[in-house]
Protein backbone atom coordinates (compact mmCIF):
# COMPACT_ATOMS: atom_id res chain seq x y z
CA MET A 1 10.75 -89.14 75.69
CA ARG A 2 7.83 -91.47 76.14
CA VAL A 3 8.11 -95.07 74.93
CA VAL A 4 5.85 -98.11 74.98
CA LEU A 5 7.27 -101.60 75.54
CA ILE A 6 5.37 -104.61 74.17
CA ASN A 7 6.09 -108.31 74.49
CA ALA A 8 4.85 -109.95 71.28
CA ARG A 9 4.02 -113.12 73.23
CA VAL A 10 0.34 -112.70 73.96
CA ASP A 11 0.38 -115.00 77.03
CA ALA A 12 3.38 -113.27 78.60
CA GLN A 13 1.51 -112.27 81.76
CA LEU A 14 -0.38 -115.54 82.19
CA ASN A 15 2.75 -117.61 81.53
CA PRO A 16 5.68 -115.40 82.66
CA GLY A 17 9.23 -116.21 81.64
CA GLY A 18 12.58 -114.56 81.10
CA ASP A 19 11.14 -112.34 78.37
CA THR A 20 8.50 -111.07 80.81
CA ILE A 21 11.18 -110.13 83.32
CA GLN A 22 13.32 -108.47 80.66
CA VAL A 23 10.46 -106.23 79.53
CA ASP A 24 9.40 -105.30 83.07
CA LYS A 25 12.89 -104.61 84.40
CA THR A 26 13.91 -102.63 81.32
CA ARG A 27 10.79 -100.49 81.64
CA ALA A 28 11.53 -99.73 85.30
CA ALA A 29 15.22 -98.94 84.74
CA LEU A 30 14.65 -96.59 81.78
CA GLY A 31 13.31 -93.98 84.19
CA GLU A 32 16.86 -93.38 85.45
CA PHE A 33 17.67 -91.98 82.01
CA GLY A 34 14.76 -89.57 81.78
CA ILE A 35 12.59 -91.90 79.69
CA GLU A 36 8.97 -92.45 80.60
CA ALA A 37 8.34 -96.08 79.75
CA LEU A 38 4.92 -97.75 79.66
CA GLU A 39 4.10 -101.40 79.12
CA CYS A 40 1.34 -102.51 76.75
CA SER A 41 0.10 -106.03 76.01
CA ALA A 42 0.26 -107.45 72.50
CA ASP A 43 -3.51 -107.79 72.27
CA SER A 44 -4.17 -104.13 73.15
CA ILE A 45 -2.16 -102.58 70.32
CA ASP A 46 -5.25 -100.84 68.91
CA SER A 47 -5.44 -98.72 72.08
CA LEU A 48 -1.76 -97.78 72.07
CA PRO A 49 -1.14 -94.74 74.31
CA ARG A 50 0.53 -91.60 73.00
CA CYS A 51 4.27 -92.14 72.71
CA ASP A 52 7.40 -91.26 70.71
CA LEU A 53 8.68 -94.80 70.08
CA VAL A 54 7.56 -98.41 70.41
CA HIS A 55 9.90 -101.17 71.60
CA VAL A 56 8.82 -104.74 70.76
CA PHE A 57 10.32 -107.89 72.30
CA ASN A 58 10.35 -111.51 71.11
CA LEU A 59 11.00 -112.80 67.59
CA GLN A 60 9.60 -116.21 68.57
CA MET A 61 6.09 -114.87 67.90
CA PRO A 62 6.47 -113.35 64.42
CA GLU A 63 2.79 -113.04 63.48
CA SER A 64 1.98 -111.15 66.68
CA ALA A 65 5.10 -108.97 66.27
CA TRP A 66 4.18 -108.20 62.66
CA ARG A 67 0.69 -107.07 63.60
CA ILE A 68 2.23 -104.76 66.18
CA MET A 69 4.71 -103.43 63.63
CA GLN A 70 1.95 -102.69 61.11
CA SER A 71 -0.03 -100.76 63.70
CA VAL A 72 3.04 -98.80 64.81
CA ARG A 73 4.03 -97.91 61.26
CA ARG A 74 0.51 -96.66 60.48
CA ARG A 75 1.01 -94.21 63.35
CA GLY A 76 4.33 -93.05 61.89
CA LEU A 77 6.29 -94.12 64.97
CA PRO A 78 9.79 -95.57 65.08
CA LEU A 79 10.05 -99.18 66.20
CA VAL A 80 12.89 -100.89 68.08
CA PHE A 81 13.06 -104.68 68.26
CA SER A 82 14.64 -106.98 70.89
CA PRO A 83 14.64 -110.47 69.30
CA ILE A 84 15.47 -112.58 72.42
CA TYR A 85 16.09 -115.31 69.86
CA TRP A 86 18.14 -118.41 69.26
CA ALA A 87 17.54 -120.98 66.52
CA GLU A 88 16.04 -124.24 67.79
CA TYR A 89 17.67 -126.68 65.39
CA GLU A 90 19.42 -128.52 68.24
CA LEU A 91 16.10 -129.04 70.04
CA TRP A 92 14.46 -130.23 66.83
CA TYR A 93 17.32 -132.67 66.28
CA GLY A 94 16.88 -134.06 69.79
CA ASP A 95 13.21 -134.72 69.04
CA ALA A 96 14.01 -136.24 65.63
CA ARG A 97 16.66 -138.54 67.09
CA GLN A 98 14.24 -139.82 69.74
CA GLY A 99 11.74 -140.85 67.07
CA ARG A 100 11.81 -143.94 64.90
CA GLY A 101 12.48 -142.26 61.60
CA LEU A 102 15.42 -141.27 59.44
CA TRP A 103 17.49 -139.32 61.97
CA ARG A 104 17.49 -142.07 64.54
CA ARG A 105 18.90 -144.40 61.91
CA VAL A 106 21.45 -141.81 60.74
CA SER A 107 22.59 -141.30 64.34
CA ARG A 108 23.05 -145.03 64.86
CA VAL A 109 24.95 -145.59 61.62
CA GLY A 110 27.06 -142.44 61.33
CA GLY A 111 27.31 -141.34 64.93
CA ASP A 112 25.52 -138.57 66.78
CA ARG A 113 27.93 -135.76 65.92
CA LEU A 114 27.71 -136.31 62.16
CA ALA A 115 23.94 -136.78 62.31
CA ARG A 116 23.47 -133.57 64.26
CA ARG A 117 25.65 -131.54 61.88
CA SER A 118 23.77 -132.95 58.90
CA TYR A 119 20.39 -132.28 60.45
CA VAL A 120 21.22 -128.67 61.37
CA ALA A 121 22.61 -127.98 57.89
CA TRP A 122 19.48 -129.48 56.33
CA GLN A 123 17.19 -127.33 58.47
CA ARG A 124 19.15 -124.15 57.75
CA ALA A 125 18.98 -124.82 54.04
CA LYS A 126 15.18 -125.19 54.24
CA GLN A 127 14.50 -122.02 56.24
CA PRO A 128 14.22 -119.51 53.33
CA GLY A 129 11.34 -121.57 51.95
CA ARG A 130 9.36 -121.25 55.18
CA SER A 131 6.86 -118.48 55.74
CA THR A 132 7.88 -118.11 59.40
CA TRP A 133 11.50 -117.45 58.42
CA ARG A 134 10.47 -114.88 55.80
CA LEU A 135 8.24 -113.10 58.29
CA GLN A 136 11.00 -113.03 60.93
CA ARG A 137 13.48 -111.71 58.38
CA SER A 138 11.07 -108.94 57.39
CA LEU A 139 10.64 -107.95 61.02
CA LEU A 140 14.39 -107.71 61.55
CA ARG A 141 14.98 -105.76 58.34
CA THR A 142 12.07 -103.36 58.88
CA ALA A 143 12.77 -102.38 62.51
CA ASP A 144 14.60 -99.09 63.09
CA ALA A 145 17.00 -100.76 65.53
CA LEU A 146 17.82 -104.29 66.68
CA LEU A 147 18.76 -104.96 70.31
CA PRO A 148 20.11 -108.52 70.71
CA ASN A 149 21.43 -109.57 74.12
CA SER A 150 24.90 -110.57 72.90
CA ARG A 151 27.33 -110.38 70.02
CA ALA A 152 26.74 -114.09 69.49
CA GLU A 153 23.01 -113.52 69.05
CA ALA A 154 23.69 -110.61 66.67
CA SER A 155 25.99 -112.78 64.53
CA MET A 156 23.50 -115.65 64.51
CA LEU A 157 20.71 -113.30 63.38
CA GLN A 158 22.87 -111.78 60.66
CA ALA A 159 23.92 -115.12 59.22
CA GLY A 160 20.66 -116.98 59.82
CA PHE A 161 18.40 -114.33 58.27
CA TRP A 162 20.72 -112.88 55.59
CA LEU A 163 20.45 -109.40 57.06
CA GLY A 164 23.44 -107.61 55.53
CA ALA A 165 25.27 -104.39 56.35
CA ALA A 166 22.22 -102.17 56.84
CA SER A 167 20.95 -104.33 59.69
CA ALA A 168 24.41 -104.58 61.22
CA ALA A 169 24.61 -100.79 61.33
CA LYS A 170 21.40 -100.51 63.35
CA THR A 171 22.30 -103.28 65.84
CA HIS A 172 23.02 -102.38 69.47
CA ILE A 173 24.08 -105.02 71.98
CA VAL A 174 21.97 -104.79 75.16
CA PRO A 175 23.07 -107.20 77.91
CA ASN A 176 20.65 -109.12 80.03
CA GLY A 177 20.73 -108.26 83.69
CA ILE A 178 19.85 -108.79 87.32
CA ASP A 179 18.69 -106.57 90.17
CA PRO A 180 21.99 -106.02 92.04
CA SER A 181 20.26 -104.70 95.17
CA LEU A 182 19.34 -108.32 96.02
CA TYR A 183 22.95 -109.48 95.77
CA LEU A 184 25.24 -106.64 96.91
CA SER A 185 25.97 -108.60 100.05
CA LEU A 186 26.35 -112.34 99.74
CA PRO A 187 22.84 -113.78 100.30
CA LYS A 188 22.22 -115.82 103.44
CA PRO A 189 20.75 -119.30 103.03
CA ASP A 190 16.96 -119.39 103.28
CA VAL A 191 16.60 -121.54 106.40
CA GLU A 192 12.80 -121.56 106.12
CA PHE A 193 13.00 -123.10 102.63
CA ALA A 194 15.55 -125.64 103.88
CA ALA A 195 13.37 -126.64 106.83
CA ARG A 196 10.17 -126.83 104.81
CA HIS A 197 11.59 -129.05 102.08
CA GLY A 198 14.31 -130.83 104.07
CA VAL A 199 17.12 -130.03 101.63
CA ARG A 200 20.52 -128.32 101.59
CA ASP A 201 23.52 -128.49 99.26
CA PHE A 202 21.23 -129.53 96.44
CA VAL A 203 21.38 -129.27 92.67
CA LEU A 204 18.99 -126.49 91.63
CA GLU A 205 17.29 -125.56 88.38
CA VAL A 206 15.11 -122.44 88.18
CA GLY A 207 12.93 -122.12 85.09
CA THR A 208 9.58 -122.94 83.52
CA VAL A 209 9.12 -126.71 83.30
CA TYR A 210 9.05 -127.58 79.60
CA PRO A 211 11.30 -129.30 77.04
CA VAL A 212 13.46 -126.26 76.24
CA LYS A 213 14.67 -126.10 79.86
CA ASN A 214 15.43 -129.83 79.73
CA GLN A 215 14.59 -130.74 83.34
CA LEU A 216 14.01 -134.36 82.39
CA ALA A 217 17.56 -134.70 81.08
CA LEU A 218 18.96 -133.36 84.37
CA LEU A 219 16.87 -135.92 86.26
CA GLU A 220 18.20 -138.73 84.09
CA ALA A 221 21.79 -137.47 84.33
CA LEU A 222 21.71 -137.59 88.14
CA PHE A 223 19.18 -140.37 88.62
CA ASP A 224 21.51 -142.58 90.69
CA ARG A 225 23.22 -139.75 92.57
CA PRO A 226 22.61 -139.11 96.29
CA GLU A 227 22.31 -135.29 96.23
CA PRO A 228 18.81 -133.76 96.28
CA LEU A 229 17.42 -132.05 93.18
CA VAL A 230 15.24 -128.94 93.44
CA PHE A 231 13.22 -127.56 90.51
CA ILE A 232 11.62 -124.14 90.89
CA GLY A 233 9.25 -123.10 88.12
CA HIS A 234 5.67 -123.53 87.00
CA PRO A 235 4.77 -126.13 84.37
CA HIS A 236 4.27 -124.63 80.92
CA PRO A 237 0.55 -124.99 80.14
CA ALA A 238 1.29 -126.31 76.65
CA TYR A 239 3.53 -129.09 78.00
CA ALA A 240 1.54 -130.64 80.83
CA GLU A 241 2.62 -134.17 79.82
CA TYR A 242 6.30 -133.20 80.02
CA ALA A 243 5.85 -131.76 83.52
CA ALA A 244 3.96 -134.89 84.59
CA GLU A 245 6.79 -137.10 83.30
CA CYS A 246 9.33 -135.02 85.22
CA ARG A 247 7.36 -135.52 88.42
CA ARG A 248 6.95 -139.24 87.74
CA ARG A 249 10.70 -139.70 87.29
CA GLY A 250 11.33 -137.51 90.30
CA GLU A 251 9.14 -139.77 92.46
CA GLN A 252 10.99 -142.83 91.15
CA ARG A 253 14.36 -141.27 91.94
CA GLY A 254 13.44 -139.77 95.28
CA ARG A 255 15.14 -136.75 96.88
CA VAL A 256 13.48 -134.44 94.31
CA VAL A 257 11.55 -131.28 95.18
CA PHE A 258 9.28 -129.41 92.76
CA VAL A 259 8.22 -125.86 93.68
CA ASP A 260 5.88 -124.18 91.20
CA GLN A 261 6.45 -120.64 92.38
CA ILE A 262 8.44 -118.62 94.89
CA PRO A 263 8.60 -114.83 95.41
CA HIS A 264 11.48 -113.46 93.37
CA GLU A 265 12.99 -111.70 96.37
CA ARG A 266 13.40 -115.08 98.10
CA LEU A 267 15.40 -116.65 95.28
CA PRO A 268 18.81 -115.31 96.46
CA GLY A 269 18.44 -117.28 99.70
CA VAL A 270 17.56 -120.43 97.77
CA TYR A 271 20.56 -119.99 95.47
CA ALA A 272 22.67 -119.66 98.62
CA LEU A 273 21.39 -123.04 99.83
CA ALA A 274 22.29 -124.80 96.58
CA ARG A 275 25.56 -126.50 95.78
CA VAL A 276 25.22 -125.75 92.06
CA HIS A 277 22.67 -124.21 89.70
CA VAL A 278 22.12 -126.01 86.39
CA LEU A 279 20.44 -124.85 83.17
CA PRO A 280 20.97 -127.68 80.64
CA SER A 281 18.64 -125.88 78.21
CA TRP A 282 18.39 -126.26 74.46
CA ARG A 283 19.04 -122.52 74.18
CA GLU A 284 19.82 -119.62 76.52
CA THR A 285 20.50 -115.94 75.82
CA PRO A 286 22.09 -116.39 78.41
CA GLY A 287 19.56 -117.41 81.11
CA LEU A 288 18.54 -114.93 83.80
CA ALA A 289 18.54 -117.65 86.46
CA SER A 290 22.19 -118.44 85.73
CA LEU A 291 23.11 -114.76 86.14
CA GLU A 292 21.23 -114.58 89.44
CA ALA A 293 22.80 -117.79 90.70
CA ALA A 294 26.26 -116.46 89.88
CA ALA A 295 25.49 -113.19 91.70
CA ALA A 296 24.47 -115.25 94.74
CA GLY A 297 27.85 -117.00 94.72
CA CYS A 298 26.44 -120.30 93.47
CA ARG A 299 28.45 -122.50 91.12
CA VAL A 300 26.98 -122.43 87.60
CA VAL A 301 26.42 -125.15 85.01
CA THR A 302 24.85 -123.93 81.80
CA THR A 303 24.16 -125.05 78.26
CA SER A 304 26.70 -124.75 75.48
CA THR A 305 23.88 -123.68 73.11
CA GLY A 306 23.27 -119.95 72.92
CA SER A 307 25.23 -116.91 74.10
CA THR A 308 26.29 -118.38 77.44
CA ARG A 309 30.06 -118.39 76.87
CA GLU A 310 30.01 -114.68 76.08
CA TYR A 311 28.64 -114.02 79.57
CA PHE A 312 30.21 -116.70 81.76
CA ARG A 313 33.53 -117.24 79.93
CA GLU A 314 35.61 -119.88 81.73
CA GLU A 315 33.93 -119.32 85.08
CA ALA A 316 31.11 -121.82 84.52
CA GLN A 317 30.81 -125.44 83.46
CA TYR A 318 29.14 -126.13 80.09
CA CYS A 319 27.07 -129.11 79.00
CA ASP A 320 25.61 -130.47 75.79
CA PRO A 321 21.82 -130.54 76.33
CA SER A 322 21.48 -133.61 74.12
CA ASP A 323 24.06 -135.66 76.05
CA ILE A 324 23.13 -137.06 79.47
CA ALA A 325 26.77 -137.94 80.18
CA SER A 326 27.86 -134.38 79.37
CA ILE A 327 25.29 -132.94 81.81
CA ARG A 328 26.41 -135.34 84.52
CA ARG A 329 30.12 -134.53 84.02
CA ALA A 330 29.48 -130.79 84.13
CA VAL A 331 27.47 -131.03 87.36
CA LEU A 332 30.01 -133.24 89.12
CA THR A 333 32.89 -131.02 87.99
CA ALA A 334 31.10 -127.91 89.26
CA GLN A 335 30.30 -129.53 92.60
CA ALA A 336 33.96 -130.37 93.14
CA ALA A 337 35.26 -126.97 92.05
CA PRO A 338 36.31 -124.43 94.70
CA GLN A 339 34.05 -121.42 95.11
CA THR A 340 35.45 -118.20 93.67
CA ASP A 341 34.17 -114.62 93.67
CA GLY A 342 35.22 -113.57 90.17
CA LEU A 343 32.03 -114.40 88.28
CA ARG A 344 29.84 -112.96 91.03
CA GLN A 345 31.66 -109.62 90.95
CA ARG A 346 31.64 -109.43 87.16
CA VAL A 347 27.89 -110.09 87.00
CA LEU A 348 27.25 -107.37 89.60
CA GLN A 349 29.33 -104.89 87.61
CA GLU A 350 28.47 -105.71 84.01
CA PHE A 351 25.08 -107.41 83.88
CA THR A 352 22.50 -105.23 85.63
CA TRP A 353 19.19 -103.82 84.49
CA ARG A 354 20.65 -100.32 84.78
CA ARG A 355 23.37 -101.29 82.28
CA ALA A 356 20.70 -102.77 80.01
CA ALA A 357 18.57 -99.62 80.21
CA GLU A 358 21.58 -97.43 79.51
CA ALA A 359 22.37 -99.34 76.31
CA THR A 360 18.67 -99.27 75.36
CA ALA A 361 18.49 -95.50 75.84
CA ARG A 362 21.52 -95.06 73.57
CA ALA A 363 19.77 -97.15 70.92
CA TYR A 364 16.66 -94.98 71.14
CA ALA A 365 18.76 -91.83 70.73
CA ASP A 366 20.50 -93.33 67.70
CA VAL A 367 17.13 -94.14 66.10
CA PHE A 368 15.96 -90.53 66.37
CA SER A 369 19.32 -89.25 65.18
CA ARG A 370 19.19 -91.40 62.04
CA ARG A 371 15.52 -90.69 61.32
CA ARG A 372 16.18 -86.94 61.44
CA ALA A 373 19.27 -87.10 59.26
CA PRO A 374 19.27 -84.98 56.07
CA GLY A 375 16.85 -86.35 53.52
CA GLU A 376 14.87 -88.38 56.07
CA ARG A 377 11.52 -87.57 57.63
CA SER A 378 11.03 -86.76 61.28
CA PRO A 379 8.78 -89.31 62.99
CA GLU A 380 6.53 -86.75 64.68
CA GLY A 381 3.16 -86.44 63.06
CA ARG A 382 4.08 -88.34 59.87
CA THR A 383 2.30 -91.43 58.69
CA GLN A 384 4.43 -94.03 56.96
CA GLU A 385 2.99 -96.72 54.79
CA ALA A 386 2.60 -99.92 56.77
CA PRO A 387 4.80 -102.75 55.45
CA ALA A 388 2.92 -105.37 53.48
CA TRP A 389 2.38 -108.78 55.02
CA PRO A 390 4.78 -111.25 53.40
CA ALA A 391 3.14 -113.80 51.16
CA SER A 392 2.07 -117.10 52.72
CA ALA A 393 2.67 -115.88 56.25
CA ALA A 394 0.77 -118.58 58.08
CA GLU A 395 2.94 -119.35 61.08
CA GLN A 396 4.63 -122.74 61.22
CA HIS A 397 5.86 -124.37 64.42
CA GLY A 398 8.78 -126.77 64.41
CA PRO A 399 10.51 -128.59 61.58
CA ASP A 400 9.04 -130.58 58.75
């Protein structure tokens, strides 16, 4: 079998993130299961190489994903979709509460918890009227298989996009993973990194610097604390002002190190230097850096928003990304907790790219099995009618 993997995010190579890693590592691991996997960029879909199936990643870019789907359907090929998705209502609420409008007043009068619940319910009720939501729903319903990274993500997609039983039947859970070869033995601290930056036993966050990863909140939560903070990740090009503000607050605090980039194979040694790894993000599914940190034996603090509890269970500390006090409590609790090996061993056994590729290969096989069932056409050599573009599909970004 020959498959093509495509990240619908057109800047995936220029601005790499967790989705970039997921595509690349899945492609490499599929070879163990006799599948020849190629990677194609979203903007080169018109020169798609010969293949038996196309696997698209990233529901966050619905217009790009829909163009890919139309092209694939015109070729009569089956299409598998990995959403890598979590609704952003919590992030939108955080922005709305910081403004001077209605939701700031509601939060002050009725309390933050009530205001947040009301805001999220309001946004959910508005989604069916938005062209972006309709386009995303069409993508999910039209794909031959859906490959969310957790049961929590699958449930959220089903409820949030009104998908129904047919979509549930074609859903296969594919876990996110790590490269276990880097972590089979407990990593040794990277003494060169420690000497260069003058830090040990620090609080670490690995991830692109932009509002979703919430670096600024971690800085504020630990602003008066003595332990060093280390941020590894390049600034997102669309959020240069946010990255600049993080650096400004870091200079005011002191004992803060920003590293734009580090070779991936060196990260285990940096995790081993850290006291705790923190991802106070507005969403994670579940956060590759958290999985890697756990595999390195590092204590983990992660967001309560997303599929994190399904992966880390009771072996991590959880924080509310909107609550500075919650982030601070989680970090201090994790720092004081004894180190255990349970989470590390479970990550090495259950959350690897080989496991992800195995589940992906099963999903591919199921797609071909269902497409060749009695009364259905075989995909080879048949041209299906491309799905029509939903009305008013101009992409919208963020809430009204």
